[in-house]
Amino acid sequence: GGADGPLELSAAHHLVAHAKAAGSTDNITVMLVFLRPPEELLAA
């Protein structure tokens, strides 16, 4: 996932969708800055 990637590739999209489903009606902005490659997180 990346800032310009398709919806299904971005973790930020998933977080925003979860907040909306949880009842948020406000503007929502989510930014994820990975400090190591996401692949390492999955491997761990």
All heavy atoms as atom14 arrays in JSON, in Angstrom:
{
  "sequence": "GGADGPLELSAAHHLVAHAKAAGSTDNITVMLVFLRPPEELLAA",
  "atom14_mask": [
    [1, 1, 1, 1, 0, 0, 0, 0, 0, 0, 0, 0, 0, 0],
    [1, 1, 1, 1, 0, 0, 0, 0, 0, 0, 0, 0, 0, 0],
    [1, 1, 1, 1, 1, 0, 0, 0, 0, 0, 0, 0, 0, 0],
    [1, 1, 1, 1, 1, 1, 1, 1, 0, 0, 0, 0, 0, 0],
    [1, 1, 1, 1, 0, 0, 0, 0, 0, 0, 0, 0, 0, 0],
    [1, 1, 1, 1, 1, 1, 1, 0, 0, 0, 0, 0, 0, 0],
    [1, 1, 1, 1, 1, 1, 1, 1, 0, 0, 0, 0, 0, 0],
    [1, 1, 1, 1, 1, 1, 1, 1, 1, 0, 0, 0, 0, 0],
    [1, 1, 1, 1, 1, 1, 1, 1, 0, 0, 0, 0, 0, 0],
    [1, 1, 1, 1, 1, 1, 0, 0, 0, 0, 0, 0, 0, 0],
    [1, 1, 1, 1, 1, 0, 0, 0, 0, 0, 0, 0, 0, 0],
    [1, 1, 1, 1, 1, 0, 0, 0, 0, 0, 0, 0, 0, 0],
    [1, 1, 1, 1, 1, 1, 1, 1, 1, 1, 0, 0, 0, 0],
    [1, 1, 1, 1, 1, 1, 1, 1, 1, 1, 0, 0, 0, 0],
    [1, 1, 1, 1, 1, 1, 1, 1, 0, 0, 0, 0, 0, 0],
    [1, 1, 1, 1, 1, 1, 1, 0, 0, 0, 0, 0, 0, 0],
    [1, 1, 1, 1, 1, 0, 0, 0, 0, 0, 0, 0, 0, 0],
    [1, 1, 1, 1, 1, 1, 1, 1, 1, 1, 0, 0, 0, 0],
    [1, 1, 1, 1, 1, 0, 0, 0, 0, 0, 0, 0, 0, 0],
    [1, 1, 1, 1, 1, 1, 1, 1, 1, 0, 0, 0, 0, 0],
    [1, 1, 1, 1, 1, 0, 0, 0, 0, 0, 0, 0, 0, 0],
    [1, 1, 1, 1, 1, 0, 0, 0, 0, 0, 0, 0, 0, 0],
    [1, 1, 1, 1, 0, 0, 0, 0, 0, 0, 0, 0, 0, 0],
    [1, 1, 1, 1, 1, 1, 0, 0, 0, 0, 0, 0, 0, 0],
    [1, 1, 1, 1, 1, 1, 1, 0, 0, 0, 0, 0, 0, 0],
    [1, 1, 1, 1, 1, 1, 1, 1, 0, 0, 0, 0, 0, 0],
    [1, 1, 1, 1, 1, 1, 1, 1, 0, 0, 0, 0, 0, 0],
    [1, 1, 1, 1, 1, 1, 1, 1, 0, 0, 0, 0, 0, 0],
    [1, 1, 1, 1, 1, 1, 1, 0, 0, 0, 0, 0, 0, 0],
    [1, 1, 1, 1, 1, 1, 1, 0, 0, 0, 0, 0, 0, 0],
    [1, 1, 1, 1, 1, 1, 1, 1, 0, 0, 0, 0, 0, 0],
    [1, 1, 1, 1, 1, 1, 1, 1, 0, 0, 0, 0, 0, 0],
    [1, 1, 1, 1, 1, 1, 1, 0, 0, 0, 0, 0, 0, 0],
    [1, 1, 1, 1, 1, 1, 1, 1, 1, 1, 1, 0, 0, 0],
    [1, 1, 1, 1, 1, 1, 1, 1, 0, 0, 0, 0, 0, 0],
    [1, 1, 1, 1, 1, 1, 1, 1, 1, 1, 1, 0, 0, 0],
    [1, 1, 1, 1, 1, 1, 1, 0, 0, 0, 0, 0, 0, 0],
    [1, 1, 1, 1, 1, 1, 1, 0, 0, 0, 0, 0, 0, 0],
    [1, 1, 1, 1, 1, 1, 1, 1, 1, 0, 0, 0, 0, 0],
    [1, 1, 1, 1, 1, 1, 1, 1, 1, 0, 0, 0, 0, 0],
    [1, 1, 1, 1, 1, 1, 1, 1, 0, 0, 0, 0, 0, 0],
    [1, 1, 1, 1, 1, 1, 1, 1, 0, 0, 0, 0, 0, 0],
    [1, 1, 1, 1, 1, 0, 0, 0, 0, 0, 0, 0, 0, 0],
    [1, 1, 1, 1, 1, 0, 0, 0, 0, 0, 0, 0, 0, 0]
  ],
  "atom14_positions": [
    [[0.81, -1.21, 0.0], [0.0, 0.0, 0.0], [0.84, 1.25, 0.0], [1.96, 1.3, 0.46], [0.0, 0.0, 0.0], [0.0, 0.0, 0.0], [0.0, 0.0, 0.0], [0.0, 0.0, 0.0], [0.0, 0.0, 0.0], [0.0, 0.0, 0.0], [0.0, 0.0, 0.0], [0.0, 0.0, 0.0], [0.0, 0.0, 0.0], [0.0, 0.0, 0.0]],
    [[0.27, 2.33, -0.53], [0.94, 3.62, -0.57], [-0.08, 4.71, -0.72], [-1.27, 4.46, -0.91], [0.0, 0.0, 0.0], [0.0, 0.0, 0.0], [0.0, 0.0, 0.0], [0.0, 0.0, 0.0], [0.0, 0.0, 0.0], [0.0, 0.0, 0.0], [0.0, 0.0, 0.0], [0.0, 0.0, 0.0], [0.0, 0.0, 0.0], [0.0, 0.0, 0.0]],
    [[0.41, 5.95, -0.61], [-0.51, 7.08, -0.67], [-1.27, 7.12, -1.99], [-2.39, 7.61, -2.06], [0.28, 8.38, -0.48], [0.0, 0.0, 0.0], [0.0, 0.0, 0.0], [0.0, 0.0, 0.0], [0.0, 0.0, 0.0], [0.0, 0.0, 0.0], [0.0, 0.0, 0.0], [0.0, 0.0, 0.0], [0.0, 0.0, 0.0], [0.0, 0.0, 0.0]],
    [[-0.63, 6.6, -3.07], [-1.27, 6.67, -4.36], [-1.79, 5.31, -4.81], [-2.19, 5.15, -5.95], [-0.27, 7.2, -5.41], [0.2, 8.61, -5.06], [-0.64, 9.42, -4.65], [1.4, 8.87, -5.2], [0.0, 0.0, 0.0], [0.0, 0.0, 0.0], [0.0, 0.0, 0.0], [0.0, 0.0, 0.0], [0.0, 0.0, 0.0], [0.0, 0.0, 0.0]],
    [[-1.74, 4.31, -3.94], [-2.15, 2.98, -4.33], [-3.64, 2.81, -4.34], [-4.39, 3.63, -3.81], [0.0, 0.0, 0.0], [0.0, 0.0, 0.0], [0.0, 0.0, 0.0], [0.0, 0.0, 0.0], [0.0, 0.0, 0.0], [0.0, 0.0, 0.0], [0.0, 0.0, 0.0], [0.0, 0.0, 0.0], [0.0, 0.0, 0.0], [0.0, 0.0, 0.0]],
    [[-4.12, 1.7, -4.94], [-5.54, 1.4, -4.92], [-6.05, 1.24, -3.51], [-5.29, 0.96, -2.58], [-5.62, 0.08, -5.7], [-4.37, 0.02, -6.49], [-3.33, 0.72, -5.69], [0.0, 0.0, 0.0], [0.0, 0.0, 0.0], [0.0, 0.0, 0.0], [0.0, 0.0, 0.0], [0.0, 0.0, 0.0], [0.0, 0.0, 0.0], [0.0, 0.0, 0.0]],
    [[-7.36, 1.38, -3.32], [-7.96, 1.35, -2.0], [-7.59, 0.11, -1.24], [-7.23, 0.17, -0.07], [-9.48, 1.48, -2.14], [-10.23, 1.46, -0.82], [-11.03, 2.74, -0.65], [-11.18, 0.28, -0.76], [0.0, 0.0, 0.0], [0.0, 0.0, 0.0], [0.0, 0.0, 0.0], [0.0, 0.0, 0.0], [0.0, 0.0, 0.0], [0.0, 0.0, 0.0]],
    [[-7.62, -1.07, -1.89], [-7.41, -2.3, -1.17], [-5.95, -2.49, -0.76], [-5.63, -3.38, 0.03], [-7.87, -3.5, -2.0], [-7.06, -3.77, -3.25], [-7.59, -3.01, -4.46], [-8.35, -2.06, -4.26], [-7.25, -3.4, -5.59], [0.0, 0.0, 0.0], [0.0, 0.0, 0.0], [0.0, 0.0, 0.0], [0.0, 0.0, 0.0], [0.0, 0.0, 0.0]],
    [[-5.04, -1.67, -1.27], [-3.63, -1.82, -0.95], [-3.18, -0.92, 0.2], [-2.06, -1.02, 0.67], [-2.77, -1.5, -2.18], [-2.98, -2.37, -3.41], [-2.01, -2.0, -4.51], [-2.85, -3.84, -3.06], [0.0, 0.0, 0.0], [0.0, 0.0, 0.0], [0.0, 0.0, 0.0], [0.0, 0.0, 0.0], [0.0, 0.0, 0.0], [0.0, 0.0, 0.0]],
    [[-4.02, -0.05, 0.67], [-3.59, 0.92, 1.66], [-4.14, 0.62, 3.04], [-5.35, 0.54, 3.24], [-4.01, 2.33, 1.23], [-3.7, 3.26, 2.23], [0.0, 0.0, 0.0], [0.0, 0.0, 0.0], [0.0, 0.0, 0.0], [0.0, 0.0, 0.0], [0.0, 0.0, 0.0], [0.0, 0.0, 0.0], [0.0, 0.0, 0.0], [0.0, 0.0, 0.0]],
    [[-3.25, 0.46, 4.01], [-3.69, 0.22, 5.38], [-4.47, 1.4, 5.91], [-5.39, 1.24, 6.73], [-2.47, -0.06, 6.26], [0.0, 0.0, 0.0], [0.0, 0.0, 0.0], [0.0, 0.0, 0.0], [0.0, 0.0, 0.0], [0.0, 0.0, 0.0], [0.0, 0.0, 0.0], [0.0, 0.0, 0.0], [0.0, 0.0, 0.0], [0.0, 0.0, 0.0]],
    [[-4.12, 2.61, 5.47], [-4.85, 3.79, 5.93], [-6.31, 3.73, 5.54], [-7.19, 4.16, 6.3], [-4.2, 5.06, 5.37], [0.0, 0.0, 0.0], [0.0, 0.0, 0.0], [0.0, 0.0, 0.0], [0.0, 0.0, 0.0], [0.0, 0.0, 0.0], [0.0, 0.0, 0.0], [0.0, 0.0, 0.0], [0.0, 0.0, 0.0], [0.0, 0.0, 0.0]],
    [[-6.61, 3.2, 4.35], [-8.0, 3.05, 3.93], [-8.76, 2.14, 4.9], [-9.92, 2.4, 5.25], [-8.07, 2.43, 2.53], [-7.82, 3.41, 1.42], [-6.56, 3.72, 0.98], [-8.68, 4.14, 0.68], [-6.64, 4.6, 0.0], [-7.91, 4.88, -0.21], [0.0, 0.0, 0.0], [0.0, 0.0, 0.0], [0.0, 0.0, 0.0], [0.0, 0.0, 0.0]],
    [[-8.1, 1.07, 5.32], [-8.74, 0.12, 6.23], [-9.06, 0.78, 7.56], [-10.15, 0.58, 8.13], [-7.8, -1.07, 6.43], [-8.39, -2.19, 7.24], [-9.44, -2.96, 6.78], [-8.08, -2.65, 8.48], [-9.75, -3.86, 7.7], [-8.94, -3.69, 8.75], [0.0, 0.0, 0.0], [0.0, 0.0, 0.0], [0.0, 0.0, 0.0], [0.0, 0.0, 0.0]],
    [[-8.13, 1.6, 8.06], [-8.35, 2.28, 9.33], [-9.49, 3.29, 9.22], [-10.34, 3.39, 10.13], [-7.07, 2.98, 9.78], [-5.9, 2.07, 10.16], [-4.66, 2.9, 10.41], [-6.23, 1.24, 11.38], [0.0, 0.0, 0.0], [0.0, 0.0, 0.0], [0.0, 0.0, 0.0], [0.0, 0.0, 0.0], [0.0, 0.0, 0.0], [0.0, 0.0, 0.0]],
    [[-9.53, 4.03, 8.14], [-10.6, 5.02, 7.95], [-11.95, 4.32, 7.85], [-12.94, 4.75, 8.46], [-10.33, 5.87, 6.69], [-11.56, 6.7, 6.33], [-9.13, 6.77, 6.91], [0.0, 0.0, 0.0], [0.0, 0.0, 0.0], [0.0, 0.0, 0.0], [0.0, 0.0, 0.0], [0.0, 0.0, 0.0], [0.0, 0.0, 0.0], [0.0, 0.0, 0.0]],
    [[-11.99, 3.23, 7.1], [-13.25, 2.49, 6.95], [-13.73, 1.95, 8.3], [-14.93, 1.96, 8.6], [-13.07, 1.34, 5.96], [0.0, 0.0, 0.0], [0.0, 0.0, 0.0], [0.0, 0.0, 0.0], [0.0, 0.0, 0.0], [0.0, 0.0, 0.0], [0.0, 0.0, 0.0], [0.0, 0.0, 0.0], [0.0, 0.0, 0.0], [0.0, 0.0, 0.0]],
    [[-12.79, 1.5, 9.13], [-13.16, 0.98, 10.44], [-13.73, 2.1, 11.32], [-14.74, 1.9, 12.02], [-11.94, 0.35, 11.12], [-12.24, -0.23, 12.46], [-12.76, -1.5, 12.62], [-12.11, 0.28, 13.72], [-12.93, -1.75, 13.9], [-12.54, -0.69, 14.6], [0.0, 0.0, 0.0], [0.0, 0.0, 0.0], [0.0, 0.0, 0.0], [0.0, 0.0, 0.0]],
    [[-13.09, 3.28, 11.28], [-13.59, 4.4, 12.09], [-14.98, 4.81, 11.65], [-15.85, 5.1, 12.48], [-12.63, 5.58, 11.98], [0.0, 0.0, 0.0], [0.0, 0.0, 0.0], [0.0, 0.0, 0.0], [0.0, 0.0, 0.0], [0.0, 0.0, 0.0], [0.0, 0.0, 0.0], [0.0, 0.0, 0.0], [0.0, 0.0, 0.0], [0.0, 0.0, 0.0]],
    [[-15.21, 4.84, 10.36], [-16.53, 5.2, 9.85], [-17.57, 4.17, 10.27], [-18.68, 4.53, 10.72], [-16.49, 5.33, 8.33], [-17.8, 5.82, 7.73], [-17.68, 6.07, 6.24], [-19.0, 6.57, 5.66], [-18.9, 6.85, 4.21], [0.0, 0.0, 0.0], [0.0, 0.0, 0.0], [0.0, 0.0, 0.0], [0.0, 0.0, 0.0], [0.0, 0.0, 0.0]],
    [[-17.22, 2.89, 10.15], [-18.15, 1.83, 10.55], [-18.41, 1.87, 12.06], [-19.49, 1.47, 12.52], [-17.58, 0.47, 10.15], [0.0, 0.0, 0.0], [0.0, 0.0, 0.0], [0.0, 0.0, 0.0], [0.0, 0.0, 0.0], [0.0, 0.0, 0.0], [0.0, 0.0, 0.0], [0.0, 0.0, 0.0], [0.0, 0.0, 0.0], [0.0, 0.0, 0.0]],
    [[-17.44, 2.37, 12.82], [-17.59, 2.45, 14.28], [-18.42, 3.66, 14.71], [-18.63, 3.86, 15.9], [-16.22, 2.5, 14.94], [0.0, 0.0, 0.0], [0.0, 0.0, 0.0], [0.0, 0.0, 0.0], [0.0, 0.0, 0.0], [0.0, 0.0, 0.0], [0.0, 0.0, 0.0], [0.0, 0.0, 0.0], [0.0, 0.0, 0.0], [0.0, 0.0, 0.0]],
    [[-18.86, 4.46, 13.74], [-19.77, 5.55, 14.07], [-19.26, 6.95, 13.86], [-19.98, 7.92, 14.12], [0.0, 0.0, 0.0], [0.0, 0.0, 0.0], [0.0, 0.0, 0.0], [0.0, 0.0, 0.0], [0.0, 0.0, 0.0], [0.0, 0.0, 0.0], [0.0, 0.0, 0.0], [0.0, 0.0, 0.0], [0.0, 0.0, 0.0], [0.0, 0.0, 0.0]],
    [[-18.02, 7.13, 13.39], [-17.51, 8.48, 13.16], [-18.27, 9.15, 12.02], [-18.43, 8.58, 10.95], [-16.02, 8.46, 12.83], [-15.56, 9.76, 12.53], [0.0, 0.0, 0.0], [0.0, 0.0, 0.0], [0.0, 0.0, 0.0], [0.0, 0.0, 0.0], [0.0, 0.0, 0.0], [0.0, 0.0, 0.0], [0.0, 0.0, 0.0], [0.0, 0.0, 0.0]],
    [[-18.72, 10.37, 12.25], [-19.4, 11.16, 11.2], [-18.57, 12.36, 10.81], [-18.95, 13.12, 9.92], [-20.78, 11.64, 11.7], [-20.6, 12.45, 12.87], [-21.67, 10.45, 12.03], [0.0, 0.0, 0.0], [0.0, 0.0, 0.0], [0.0, 0.0, 0.0], [0.0, 0.0, 0.0], [0.0, 0.0, 0.0], [0.0, 0.0, 0.0], [0.0, 0.0, 0.0]],
    [[-17.43, 12.56, 11.45], [-16.57, 13.72, 11.23], [-15.65, 13.46, 10.03], [-15.54, 12.33, 9.53], [-15.73, 13.96, 12.49], [-15.16, 15.36, 12.57], [-15.33, 16.14, 11.61], [-14.54, 15.69, 13.6], [0.0, 0.0, 0.0], [0.0, 0.0, 0.0], [0.0, 0.0, 0.0], [0.0, 0.0, 0.0], [0.0, 0.0, 0.0], [0.0, 0.0, 0.0]],
    [[-14.98, 14.53, 9.55], [-13.87, 14.34, 8.62], [-12.89, 13.36, 9.25], [-12.64, 13.41, 10.46], [-13.14, 15.64, 8.36], [-13.98, 16.74, 7.75], [-13.66, 17.91, 7.9], [-15.06, 16.41, 7.05], [0.0, 0.0, 0.0], [0.0, 0.0, 0.0], [0.0, 0.0, 0.0], [0.0, 0.0, 0.0], [0.0, 0.0, 0.0], [0.0, 0.0, 0.0]],
    [[-12.31, 12.48, 8.45], [-11.32, 11.53, 8.96], [-10.07, 11.59, 8.09], [-10.16, 11.45, 6.86], [-11.84, 10.08, 8.96], [-13.17, 9.97, 9.72], [-10.8, 9.14, 9.58], [-13.79, 8.57, 9.65], [0.0, 0.0, 0.0], [0.0, 0.0, 0.0], [0.0, 0.0, 0.0], [0.0, 0.0, 0.0], [0.0, 0.0, 0.0], [0.0, 0.0, 0.0]],
    [[-8.92, 11.81, 8.72], [-7.63, 11.7, 8.05], [-6.75, 10.76, 8.85], [-6.61, 10.92, 10.06], [-6.94, 13.07, 7.92], [-7.74, 13.94, 7.12], [-5.55, 12.93, 7.29], [0.0, 0.0, 0.0], [0.0, 0.0, 0.0], [0.0, 0.0, 0.0], [0.0, 0.0, 0.0], [0.0, 0.0, 0.0], [0.0, 0.0, 0.0], [0.0, 0.0, 0.0]],
    [[-6.16, 9.79, 8.16], [-5.25, 8.84, 8.78], [-3.98, 8.78, 7.95], [-4.03, 8.64, 6.73], [-5.88, 7.43, 8.87], [-4.83, 6.39, 9.23], [-7.0, 7.42, 9.91], [0.0, 0.0, 0.0], [0.0, 0.0, 0.0], [0.0, 0.0, 0.0], [0.0, 0.0, 0.0], [0.0, 0.0, 0.0], [0.0, 0.0, 0.0], [0.0, 0.0, 0.0]],
    [[-2.84, 8.88, 8.63], [-1.54, 8.78, 7.97], [-0.69, 7.76, 8.73], [-0.56, 7.82, 9.94], [-0.85, 10.14, 7.98], [0.53, 10.16, 7.34], [1.37, 11.77, 7.58], [0.22, 12.9, 6.8], [0.0, 0.0, 0.0], [0.0, 0.0, 0.0], [0.0, 0.0, 0.0], [0.0, 0.0, 0.0], [0.0, 0.0, 0.0], [0.0, 0.0, 0.0]],
    [[-0.15, 6.8, 7.99], [0.74, 5.79, 8.56], [2.13, 5.98, 7.97], [2.3, 5.93, 6.75], [0.24, 4.38, 8.24], [-0.86, 3.79, 9.12], [-1.43, 2.54, 8.47], [-0.32, 3.46, 10.51], [0.0, 0.0, 0.0], [0.0, 0.0, 0.0], [0.0, 0.0, 0.0], [0.0, 0.0, 0.0], [0.0, 0.0, 0.0], [0.0, 0.0, 0.0]],
    [[3.1, 6.19, 8.84], [4.49, 6.33, 8.41], [5.24, 5.11, 8.93], [5.48, 4.96, 10.14], [5.13, 7.62, 8.97], [6.56, 7.76, 8.47], [4.3, 8.84, 8.6], [0.0, 0.0, 0.0], [0.0, 0.0, 0.0], [0.0, 0.0, 0.0], [0.0, 0.0, 0.0], [0.0, 0.0, 0.0], [0.0, 0.0, 0.0], [0.0, 0.0, 0.0]],
    [[5.61, 4.21, 8.02], [6.28, 2.98, 8.41], [7.75, 3.24, 8.67], [8.45, 3.81, 7.82], [6.1, 1.91, 7.33], [4.71, 1.36, 7.26], [3.79, 1.89, 6.36], [4.32, 0.34, 8.09], [2.49, 1.4, 6.31], [3.02, -0.16, 8.04], [2.1, 0.37, 7.14], [0.0, 0.0, 0.0], [0.0, 0.0, 0.0], [0.0, 0.0, 0.0]],
    [[8.22, 2.83, 9.82], [9.61, 3.02, 10.2], [10.47, 1.82, 9.84], [11.69, 1.86, 9.98], [9.7, 3.31, 11.7], [8.9, 4.55, 12.14], [8.95, 4.71, 13.65], [9.41, 5.8, 11.45], [0.0, 0.0, 0.0], [0.0, 0.0, 0.0], [0.0, 0.0, 0.0], [0.0, 0.0, 0.0], [0.0, 0.0, 0.0], [0.0, 0.0, 0.0]],
    [[9.83, 0.76, 9.39], [10.51, -0.37, 8.76], [9.55, -0.99, 7.77], [8.34, -0.77, 7.84], [11.01, -1.39, 9.78], [9.98, -1.93, 10.75], [10.65, -2.93, 11.67], [9.79, -3.41, 12.74], [9.82, -4.64, 13.2], [10.65, -5.54, 12.67], [9.04, -5.01, 14.2], [0.0, 0.0, 0.0], [0.0, 0.0, 0.0], [0.0, 0.0, 0.0]],
    [[10.04, -1.76, 6.79], [9.17, -2.26, 5.74], [8.0, -3.06, 6.29], [8.18, -3.88, 7.21], [10.1, -3.15, 4.9], [11.46, -2.6, 5.15], [11.45, -2.14, 6.58], [0.0, 0.0, 0.0], [0.0, 0.0, 0.0], [0.0, 0.0, 0.0], [0.0, 0.0, 0.0], [0.0, 0.0, 0.0], [0.0, 0.0, 0.0], [0.0, 0.0, 0.0]],
    [[6.8, -2.86, 5.74], [5.64, -3.63, 6.21], [5.83, -5.13, 6.11], [5.28, -5.89, 6.91], [4.51, -3.16, 5.27], [4.93, -1.78, 4.85], [6.42, -1.84, 4.74], [0.0, 0.0, 0.0], [0.0, 0.0, 0.0], [0.0, 0.0, 0.0], [0.0, 0.0, 0.0], [0.0, 0.0, 0.0], [0.0, 0.0, 0.0], [0.0, 0.0, 0.0]],
    [[6.63, -5.58, 5.14], [6.89, -7.0, 5.01], [7.53, -7.58, 6.27], [7.29, -8.72, 6.65], [7.8, -7.27, 3.8], [7.17, -6.96, 2.45], [7.24, -5.49, 2.09], [7.83, -4.7, 2.87], [6.7, -5.11, 1.03], [0.0, 0.0, 0.0], [0.0, 0.0, 0.0], [0.0, 0.0, 0.0], [0.0, 0.0, 0.0], [0.0, 0.0, 0.0]],
    [[8.37, -6.76, 6.92], [9.0, -7.22, 8.17], [7.96, -7.39, 9.28], [8.1, -8.28, 10.12], [10.07, -6.23, 8.61], [11.31, -6.21, 7.74], [12.4, -5.34, 8.33], [12.28, -4.96, 9.51], [13.37, -5.06, 7.61], [0.0, 0.0, 0.0], [0.0, 0.0, 0.0], [0.0, 0.0, 0.0], [0.0, 0.0, 0.0], [0.0, 0.0, 0.0]],
    [[6.95, -6.54, 9.28], [5.9, -6.65, 10.29], [5.13, -7.95, 10.11], [4.81, -8.65, 11.08], [4.94, -5.47, 10.22], [5.55, -4.06, 10.23], [4.45, -3.01, 10.32], [6.53, -3.91, 11.37], [0.0, 0.0, 0.0], [0.0, 0.0, 0.0], [0.0, 0.0, 0.0], [0.0, 0.0, 0.0], [0.0, 0.0, 0.0], [0.0, 0.0, 0.0]],
    [[4.83, -8.28, 8.85], [4.13, -9.54, 8.58], [4.98, -10.74, 8.95], [4.49, -11.71, 9.54], [3.76, -9.59, 7.09], [2.64, -8.65, 6.64], [2.49, -8.69, 5.12], [1.32, -9.01, 7.31], [0.0, 0.0, 0.0], [0.0, 0.0, 0.0], [0.0, 0.0, 0.0], [0.0, 0.0, 0.0], [0.0, 0.0, 0.0], [0.0, 0.0, 0.0]],
    [[6.26, -10.67, 8.62], [7.16, -11.79, 8.93], [7.27, -11.99, 10.44], [7.27, -13.12, 10.94], [8.55, -11.53, 8.33], [0.0, 0.0, 0.0], [0.0, 0.0, 0.0], [0.0, 0.0, 0.0], [0.0, 0.0, 0.0], [0.0, 0.0, 0.0], [0.0, 0.0, 0.0], [0.0, 0.0, 0.0], [0.0, 0.0, 0.0], [0.0, 0.0, 0.0]],
    [[7.34, -10.87, 11.18], [7.42, -10.97, 12.64], [6.14, -11.56, 13.22], [6.18, -12.36, 14.16], [7.65, -9.58, 13.23], [0.0, 0.0, 0.0], [0.0, 0.0, 0.0], [0.0, 0.0, 0.0], [0.0, 0.0, 0.0], [0.0, 0.0, 0.0], [0.0, 0.0, 0.0], [0.0, 0.0, 0.0], [0.0, 0.0, 0.0], [0.0, 0.0, 0.0]]
  ]
}
